[in-house]
Amino acid sequence: MIDTPSSSRVQKSFLKYQHVFVFLAPVLFVAGVYLFAPTGTIEQGYWFEYWWLFFFFLLGATIVNTVGISGSALFVPFLIFIFPLLARPLSPETIVKVGLISESFGLSSSSIAFIQYGLVDRRVALTIVGGSVPFVVGGALLSFIIPEPLFHLALGLALITASYLLFKADLGHGHESGSESEASAAADGGEPRSDGGQRDLPNDDDKLGPAGVETDAEGNVTRVDREGDDYSYTRSGYLERFANYAVGGTFQGLAGFGSGELGIISMLRTEVPVRVAIGTNHIIVATTAILASLVHVFGGGLVGGHSLDLAATPWNMVVWTVPATVTGGQIAPYVSNALDTGTIKKGVGGLFAVISVALFLMAAGGAGFIGL
C-alpha cells in the first residue's frame, strides 16, 4: 500500500479539524481587539453595547453564505436602514469598516467549510478570479470619482435582471442521486450505469468521507461531496462566465457586492450543479471582496478619496459581528445541502429582489455611503 503524501495528509487533517482553526481566528481577533485596539476613553458597558448584533449578523451570514453571495449585500442595507432604528445612524466610513471586517471573516469561514464539504471546483474558481482582477480593481478605483447613487441604481437594475433569470433557470440539473439509484447503490455497492453495470465514483484520499473528483478525457467532471451525493457537469462555458463575472467584478469594486450575485447566474446557465455553483462562488466572492477591500483601504488616499482610520472603528460592534459571521459561514454548507434546489432558487431570487429594492431606495434618497 502506498503511503499518502504528507501534503495530502496535512490537507485532510486541516479539513477534518478546520472548524477548530476557523473558530480560533475570531477568538484571537476579539482578544486582540480587547487588549490592543485604539479605543480611546470608553464608558462602562462599552463592549456589551451592541451584543444584539450577533443574532442579526448570524442570520445574515447564514443566508448570504448559503446562496453564495457577498455578505455586504445584506450587511450594508441593514446598517443603513435598520441599525439607525435600533441604535443610531452610522457614518459612511463606519459602515465601510464594519462591513469589510465582518465580511472578510464570514467569507473565509464559509469558503473553507464548502471546501471541506467537497462542493468547490477550484479550477473554475481560479480561472474566473484571474480574469476578474482588472475589473475589480478598476471598479474600486472608479468608485472614488463616480457618484454612488448612480451605481446603486445600476446594481439594483442588475439584481432585478438576475432575479428574473434565476427564476427562469433550471436548477434541477447535475444531481444524479434519486430514490431508485440510491436503493440500487445501497444494494450493490455502487452507482448504476446505463449499460446495467455499476459506475465507480471518485474517492480521493485527501478528502473527507467519500468525497472525490475526476475529469475524463472529454472534460466531463464527476464530483462526490462528503455526504456521498454525486454531481456531473462539464467546465465548458468559460466565456459566458467570464462576461458575467467581469460585470459583477466591476460592481464588486464599486459597491462591495455584485460579483457573487451576477456570477452565480452564469454558473447555473452553463449547467454547473447548483450546490457546486454556490460552493465555487464562495471562493470567487471571497477573493474579489478581499481585493476590492485592499484597493478601497489603500487606494482612497492616493486618488483623494476616503481612507480608513482604525482609531475611529466601532470595536464594540465588530467584536460581536465577527464571531457571528464566522459561525454563519460554518452553518451555511449544511443548510445548502439540506434544502432542495427549488427552495434555494426561490430564496436566492427573492433575496436579489429585496436587495434591489433596498438599492433603489438608497439611490432615490441619495444615500452617500462609500461603497466597500
Protein backbone atom coordinates (compact mmCIF):
# COMPACT_ATOMS: atom_id res chain seq x y z
CA MET A 1 0.00 0.00 0.00
CA ILE A 2 1.39 3.38 -0.98
CA ASP A 3 1.57 5.93 1.81
CA THR A 4 -0.49 9.05 1.38
CA PRO A 5 1.81 12.01 0.56
CA SER A 6 2.49 14.28 3.51
CA SER A 7 0.80 17.23 1.80
CA SER A 8 -2.38 15.19 1.35
CA ARG A 9 -2.30 14.15 5.00
CA VAL A 10 -1.89 17.77 6.06
CA GLN A 11 -4.76 18.87 3.81
CA LYS A 12 -7.04 16.12 5.07
CA SER A 13 -6.17 16.87 8.71
CA PHE A 14 -6.79 20.58 8.18
CA LEU A 15 -10.17 19.95 6.57
CA LYS A 16 -11.13 17.49 9.28
CA TYR A 17 -10.40 19.97 12.04
CA GLN A 18 -10.99 23.18 10.09
CA HIS A 19 -13.71 24.31 12.49
CA VAL A 20 -11.09 24.47 15.26
CA PHE A 21 -8.84 26.78 13.21
CA VAL A 22 -11.78 28.80 11.89
CA PHE A 23 -13.27 29.46 15.34
CA LEU A 24 -9.83 30.16 16.80
CA ALA A 25 -9.46 33.12 14.41
CA PRO A 26 -12.35 35.23 15.84
CA VAL A 27 -11.27 34.33 19.40
CA LEU A 28 -7.81 35.71 18.70
CA PHE A 29 -9.33 38.69 16.89
CA VAL A 30 -11.65 39.59 19.78
CA ALA A 31 -8.83 39.12 22.31
CA GLY A 32 -6.54 41.32 20.23
CA VAL A 33 -9.21 43.99 19.88
CA TYR A 34 -9.92 43.99 23.62
CA LEU A 35 -6.25 44.19 24.56
CA PHE A 36 -4.71 46.33 21.84
CA ALA A 37 -7.36 48.20 19.77
CA PRO A 38 -7.14 52.02 19.90
CA THR A 39 -10.50 52.76 21.56
CA GLY A 40 -9.64 55.95 23.44
CA THR A 41 -11.70 56.69 26.53
CA ILE A 42 -14.61 54.25 26.82
CA GLU A 43 -17.64 54.19 29.08
CA GLN A 44 -18.77 51.36 31.32
CA GLY A 45 -20.59 48.70 29.33
CA TYR A 46 -18.86 49.73 26.08
CA TRP A 47 -18.04 46.18 24.99
CA PHE A 48 -21.61 44.91 25.50
CA GLU A 49 -23.47 47.86 23.96
CA TYR A 50 -24.16 46.06 20.68
CA TRP A 51 -24.35 42.43 21.79
CA TRP A 52 -27.63 42.02 19.88
CA LEU A 53 -25.80 42.48 16.57
CA PHE A 54 -24.57 38.90 16.94
CA PHE A 55 -28.01 37.50 16.12
CA PHE A 56 -28.66 39.80 13.14
CA PHE A 57 -25.25 39.11 11.60
CA LEU A 58 -25.51 35.37 12.32
CA LEU A 59 -28.77 35.21 10.37
CA GLY A 60 -27.43 37.41 7.59
CA ALA A 61 -24.18 35.47 7.26
CA THR A 62 -26.02 32.16 7.14
CA ILE A 63 -28.33 33.46 4.38
CA VAL A 64 -25.67 35.00 2.15
CA ASN A 65 -23.24 32.12 2.55
CA THR A 66 -25.95 29.54 1.87
CA VAL A 67 -26.68 31.12 -1.51
CA GLY A 68 -23.08 32.13 -2.23
CA ILE A 69 -23.29 35.92 -2.38
CA SER A 70 -21.39 38.75 -0.70
CA GLY A 71 -22.07 39.46 2.96
CA SER A 72 -22.23 43.17 2.24
CA ALA A 73 -25.30 42.54 0.09
CA LEU A 74 -27.22 42.24 3.37
CA PHE A 75 -24.93 43.92 5.90
CA VAL A 76 -24.79 47.29 4.14
CA PRO A 77 -28.59 47.69 3.74
CA PHE A 78 -29.02 46.53 7.35
CA LEU A 79 -26.56 49.12 8.65
CA ILE A 80 -28.14 51.86 6.56
CA PHE A 81 -31.85 51.17 7.05
CA ILE A 82 -32.37 49.08 10.19
CA PHE A 83 -29.48 49.81 12.53
CA PRO A 84 -30.39 53.51 12.94
CA LEU A 85 -33.87 52.48 14.10
CA LEU A 86 -32.39 50.34 16.86
CA ALA A 87 -29.39 52.46 17.81
CA ARG A 88 -28.06 55.46 15.90
CA PRO A 89 -27.15 56.46 12.34
CA LEU A 90 -23.69 55.43 11.22
CA SER A 91 -21.27 57.43 9.12
CA PRO A 92 -20.28 56.12 5.68
CA GLU A 93 -16.77 55.34 6.95
CA THR A 94 -18.17 53.28 9.83
CA ILE A 95 -20.42 51.28 7.50
CA VAL A 96 -17.41 50.56 5.29
CA LYS A 97 -15.25 49.36 8.16
CA VAL A 98 -17.87 47.19 9.85
CA GLY A 99 -18.82 45.64 6.50
CA LEU A 100 -15.23 44.97 5.45
CA ILE A 101 -14.15 43.39 8.73
CA SER A 102 -17.28 41.27 9.15
CA GLU A 103 -17.45 40.09 5.54
CA SER A 104 -13.79 39.10 5.45
CA PHE A 105 -14.17 36.70 8.37
CA GLY A 106 -17.53 35.33 7.21
CA LEU A 107 -16.42 34.65 3.64
CA SER A 108 -13.19 33.00 4.76
CA SER A 109 -15.06 30.75 7.19
CA SER A 110 -17.69 29.71 4.67
CA SER A 111 -15.17 29.14 1.87
CA ILE A 112 -13.21 26.66 3.99
CA ALA A 113 -16.44 24.96 5.07
CA PHE A 114 -17.57 24.46 1.45
CA ILE A 115 -14.12 23.12 0.51
CA GLN A 116 -14.40 20.66 3.39
CA TYR A 117 -17.81 19.63 2.11
CA GLY A 118 -16.37 18.92 -1.33
CA LEU A 119 -18.52 21.48 -3.17
CA VAL A 120 -15.82 23.73 -4.67
CA ASP A 121 -14.43 23.42 -8.20
CA ARG A 122 -11.12 25.13 -7.63
CA ARG A 123 -10.08 25.04 -11.29
CA VAL A 124 -13.15 27.03 -12.32
CA ALA A 125 -12.73 29.40 -9.37
CA LEU A 126 -9.07 30.19 -10.08
CA THR A 127 -9.76 30.81 -13.76
CA ILE A 128 -12.59 33.24 -13.03
CA VAL A 129 -10.70 35.07 -10.28
CA GLY A 130 -7.73 35.57 -12.60
CA GLY A 131 -9.96 37.12 -15.25
CA SER A 132 -11.87 39.27 -12.76
CA VAL A 133 -8.88 41.01 -11.15
CA PRO A 134 -8.60 44.01 -13.53
CA PHE A 135 -12.37 44.63 -13.39
CA VAL A 136 -12.46 44.53 -9.59
CA VAL A 137 -9.52 46.92 -9.32
CA GLY A 138 -10.96 49.21 -11.98
CA GLY A 139 -14.36 49.29 -10.29
CA ALA A 140 -12.83 50.08 -6.92
CA LEU A 141 -10.82 52.97 -8.37
CA LEU A 142 -13.85 54.31 -10.26
CA SER A 143 -15.81 54.41 -7.01
CA PHE A 144 -13.72 57.36 -5.88
CA ILE A 145 -14.79 59.59 -8.76
CA ILE A 146 -18.28 58.48 -9.89
CA PRO A 147 -21.44 59.38 -7.88
CA GLU A 148 -22.53 56.40 -5.83
CA PRO A 149 -26.33 56.76 -6.18
CA LEU A 150 -25.85 56.09 -9.90
CA PHE A 151 -24.12 52.81 -9.10
CA HIS A 152 -26.75 51.84 -6.53
CA LEU A 153 -29.37 52.30 -9.24
CA ALA A 154 -27.36 50.33 -11.80
CA LEU A 155 -26.69 47.47 -9.40
CA GLY A 156 -30.35 47.40 -8.40
CA LEU A 157 -31.32 47.01 -12.06
CA ALA A 158 -28.71 44.29 -12.48
CA LEU A 159 -30.03 42.36 -9.49
CA ILE A 160 -33.63 42.60 -10.71
CA THR A 161 -32.45 41.12 -14.01
CA ALA A 162 -30.51 38.42 -12.15
CA SER A 163 -33.56 37.61 -10.05
CA TYR A 164 -35.68 37.18 -13.18
CA LEU A 165 -33.06 34.99 -14.87
CA LEU A 166 -32.72 32.87 -11.74
CA PHE A 167 -36.44 32.18 -11.52
CA LYS A 168 -36.32 31.17 -15.20
CA ALA A 169 -33.23 28.96 -14.75
CA ASP A 170 -33.48 25.19 -14.39
CA LEU A 171 -31.78 24.27 -11.13
CA GLY A 172 -32.59 20.59 -11.31
CA HIS A 173 -29.56 19.52 -13.35
CA GLY A 174 -26.36 17.88 -12.24
CA HIS A 175 -27.50 15.83 -9.24
CA GLU A 176 -27.87 12.17 -10.08
CA SER A 177 -28.90 10.68 -6.76
CA GLY A 178 -32.51 9.53 -6.95
CA SER A 179 -34.52 7.09 -4.91
CA GLU A 180 -34.03 4.24 -7.37
CA SER A 181 -30.33 4.81 -7.90
CA GLU A 182 -29.74 5.19 -4.18
CA ALA A 183 -31.57 1.95 -3.48
CA SER A 184 -29.58 0.16 -6.17
CA ALA A 185 -26.31 1.64 -4.91
CA ALA A 186 -27.10 0.59 -1.37
CA ALA A 187 -27.80 -2.96 -2.54
CA ASP A 188 -24.90 -3.36 -4.96
CA GLY A 189 -22.25 -1.02 -3.51
CA GLY A 190 -22.02 1.29 -6.48
CA GLU A 191 -23.84 3.71 -8.77
CA PRO A 192 -25.89 2.22 -11.66
CA ARG A 193 -24.71 2.75 -15.23
CA SER A 194 -26.75 2.97 -18.39
CA ASP A 195 -25.44 -0.43 -19.53
CA GLY A 196 -26.74 -2.12 -16.40
CA GLY A 197 -23.36 -2.31 -14.64
CA GLN A 198 -22.06 -0.23 -11.77
CA ARG A 199 -20.21 3.08 -12.13
CA ASP A 200 -17.26 3.68 -9.83
CA LEU A 201 -17.33 7.12 -8.22
CA PRO A 202 -14.17 9.06 -7.30
CA ASN A 203 -12.97 8.87 -3.72
CA ASP A 204 -9.84 10.93 -3.02
CA ASP A 205 -7.57 10.07 -0.12
CA ASP A 206 -7.07 13.72 0.81
CA LYS A 207 -10.80 14.44 1.10
CA LEU A 208 -13.23 13.66 3.90
CA GLY A 209 -15.83 10.91 3.68
CA PRO A 210 -16.48 9.52 0.18
CA ALA A 211 -15.63 12.88 -1.42
CA GLY A 212 -13.62 12.99 -4.63
CA VAL A 213 -13.49 14.44 -8.13
CA GLU A 214 -12.31 13.22 -11.52
CA THR A 215 -12.40 14.54 -15.08
CA ASP A 216 -12.49 12.23 -18.09
CA ALA A 217 -10.86 12.78 -21.49
CA GLU A 218 -13.97 14.54 -22.84
CA GLY A 219 -13.94 17.06 -19.99
CA ASN A 220 -16.87 15.57 -18.08
CA VAL A 221 -16.48 16.16 -14.35
CA THR A 222 -17.79 13.75 -11.72
CA ARG A 223 -17.77 15.18 -8.18
CA VAL A 224 -18.77 13.48 -4.94
CA ASP A 225 -19.30 15.50 -1.75
CA ARG A 226 -18.54 14.29 1.78
CA GLU A 227 -22.11 13.03 2.18
CA GLY A 228 -21.80 10.81 -0.88
CA ASP A 229 -24.02 12.85 -3.22
CA ASP A 230 -22.63 12.97 -6.75
CA TYR A 231 -22.73 15.71 -9.40
CA SER A 232 -21.88 15.51 -13.11
CA TYR A 233 -21.12 18.52 -15.31
CA THR A 234 -18.59 19.99 -17.70
CA ARG A 235 -16.38 23.05 -17.32
CA SER A 236 -17.48 24.49 -20.68
CA GLY A 237 -18.99 27.96 -20.78
CA TYR A 238 -15.93 29.90 -19.60
CA LEU A 239 -16.68 32.79 -21.97
CA GLU A 240 -20.19 33.36 -20.59
CA ARG A 241 -18.99 33.04 -17.01
CA PHE A 242 -16.12 35.45 -17.69
CA ALA A 243 -18.52 38.06 -19.12
CA ASN A 244 -20.83 37.86 -16.09
CA TYR A 245 -18.02 37.92 -13.57
CA ALA A 246 -16.38 40.83 -15.39
CA VAL A 247 -19.54 42.92 -14.94
CA GLY A 248 -20.05 41.58 -11.43
CA GLY A 249 -16.40 42.21 -10.55
CA THR A 250 -16.73 45.84 -11.59
CA PHE A 251 -19.71 46.24 -9.27
CA GLN A 252 -17.83 44.34 -6.56
CA GLY A 253 -15.16 47.03 -6.67
CA LEU A 254 -17.72 49.83 -6.80
CA ALA A 255 -20.20 48.82 -4.11
CA GLY A 256 -18.77 45.81 -2.30
CA PHE A 257 -21.14 43.27 -3.86
CA GLY A 258 -22.09 42.15 -7.34
CA SER A 259 -19.53 39.50 -8.29
CA GLY A 260 -21.32 36.70 -6.49
CA GLU A 261 -24.82 37.92 -7.24
CA LEU A 262 -24.34 38.14 -11.02
CA GLY A 263 -21.71 35.44 -11.34
CA ILE A 264 -23.76 32.60 -9.93
CA ILE A 265 -26.29 33.11 -12.72
CA SER A 266 -23.63 32.25 -15.30
CA MET A 267 -22.66 29.16 -13.30
CA LEU A 268 -26.24 27.90 -13.39
CA ARG A 269 -26.75 28.84 -17.05
CA THR A 270 -23.64 26.82 -18.01
CA GLU A 271 -25.12 23.84 -16.13
CA VAL A 272 -22.85 23.74 -13.11
CA PRO A 273 -24.92 21.98 -10.40
CA VAL A 274 -26.46 24.45 -8.00
CA ARG A 275 -24.60 23.32 -4.87
CA VAL A 276 -21.26 23.21 -6.70
CA ALA A 277 -22.02 26.66 -8.15
CA ILE A 278 -22.71 28.04 -4.67
CA GLY A 279 -19.59 26.48 -3.18
CA THR A 280 -17.32 27.60 -6.03
CA ASN A 281 -18.84 31.07 -5.97
CA HIS A 282 -17.68 31.44 -2.36
CA ILE A 283 -14.02 31.29 -3.34
CA ILE A 284 -14.57 33.82 -6.11
CA VAL A 285 -16.54 36.22 -3.91
CA ALA A 286 -14.07 35.93 -1.03
CA THR A 287 -11.07 36.65 -3.25
CA THR A 288 -12.64 39.55 -5.14
CA ALA A 289 -14.03 41.05 -1.92
CA ILE A 290 -10.62 40.99 -0.25
CA LEU A 291 -9.03 42.52 -3.36
CA ALA A 292 -11.68 45.25 -3.53
CA SER A 293 -11.23 45.93 0.17
CA LEU A 294 -7.48 46.38 -0.21
CA VAL A 295 -7.97 48.84 -3.07
CA HIS A 296 -10.51 50.80 -1.02
CA VAL A 297 -8.28 50.86 2.04
CA PHE A 298 -5.10 51.89 0.29
CA GLY A 299 -6.35 53.46 -2.94
CA GLY A 300 -8.53 56.20 -1.50
CA GLY A 301 -5.71 58.29 -0.15
CA LEU A 302 -3.79 58.04 -3.40
CA VAL A 303 -6.60 59.48 -5.54
CA GLY A 304 -8.08 61.85 -2.99
CA GLY A 305 -10.85 59.52 -1.84
CA HIS A 306 -11.74 58.18 1.57
CA SER A 307 -9.30 56.44 3.87
CA LEU A 308 -9.93 54.25 6.88
CA ASP A 309 -8.99 55.44 10.37
CA LEU A 310 -8.59 52.48 12.70
CA ALA A 311 -8.86 54.68 15.78
CA ALA A 312 -12.45 55.55 14.84
CA THR A 313 -13.52 51.93 14.29
CA PRO A 314 -16.51 50.86 16.43
CA TRP A 315 -14.69 47.94 18.02
CA ASN A 316 -17.64 47.22 20.31
CA MET A 317 -19.62 46.32 17.17
CA VAL A 318 -17.11 44.12 15.37
CA VAL A 319 -16.35 42.01 18.46
CA TRP A 320 -19.91 40.70 18.01
CA THR A 321 -20.26 40.76 14.22
CA VAL A 322 -17.05 38.82 13.51
CA PRO A 323 -17.94 35.74 15.62
CA ALA A 324 -21.45 35.86 14.14
CA THR A 325 -20.29 35.84 10.52
CA VAL A 326 -17.76 33.07 11.19
CA THR A 327 -20.50 30.93 12.76
CA GLY A 328 -22.91 31.64 9.90
CA GLY A 329 -20.22 30.68 7.41
CA GLN A 330 -19.82 27.29 9.05
CA ILE A 331 -23.57 26.62 9.17
CA ALA A 332 -24.17 27.54 5.52
CA PRO A 333 -22.95 24.34 3.79
CA TYR A 334 -25.26 22.20 5.91
CA VAL A 335 -28.22 24.49 5.20
CA SER A 336 -27.37 24.42 1.49
CA ASN A 337 -27.18 20.63 1.46
CA ALA A 338 -30.43 20.23 3.43
CA LEU A 339 -32.56 22.45 1.18
CA ASP A 340 -33.85 21.23 -2.17
CA THR A 341 -32.89 23.14 -5.32
CA GLY A 342 -36.36 24.66 -5.73
CA THR A 343 -36.17 26.23 -2.28
CA ILE A 344 -32.69 27.59 -2.99
CA LYS A 345 -33.86 29.04 -6.31
CA LYS A 346 -36.81 30.84 -4.74
CA GLY A 347 -34.72 32.03 -1.82
CA VAL A 348 -31.92 33.44 -3.95
CA GLY A 349 -34.29 35.06 -6.46
CA GLY A 350 -36.38 36.62 -3.71
CA LEU A 351 -33.27 37.81 -1.89
CA PHE A 352 -31.99 39.51 -5.04
CA ALA A 353 -35.32 41.27 -5.47
CA VAL A 354 -35.30 42.52 -1.87
CA ILE A 355 -31.72 43.77 -2.17
CA SER A 356 -32.55 45.58 -5.40
CA VAL A 357 -35.44 47.40 -3.70
CA ALA A 358 -33.06 48.50 -0.95
CA LEU A 359 -30.61 49.73 -3.58
CA PHE A 360 -33.34 51.68 -5.38
CA LEU A 361 -34.26 53.33 -2.07
CA MET A 362 -30.63 54.20 -1.46
CA ALA A 363 -30.30 55.67 -4.94
CA ALA A 364 -33.56 57.61 -4.67
CA GLY A 365 -32.61 59.02 -1.30
CA GLY A 366 -29.13 59.86 -2.46
CA ALA A 367 -27.57 57.85 0.37
CA GLY A 368 -23.97 58.97 0.34
CA PHE A 369 -22.35 55.94 1.90
CA ILE A 370 -18.99 54.97 0.47
CA GLY A 371 -19.06 51.65 -1.41
CA LEU A 372 -16.99 48.82 0.01
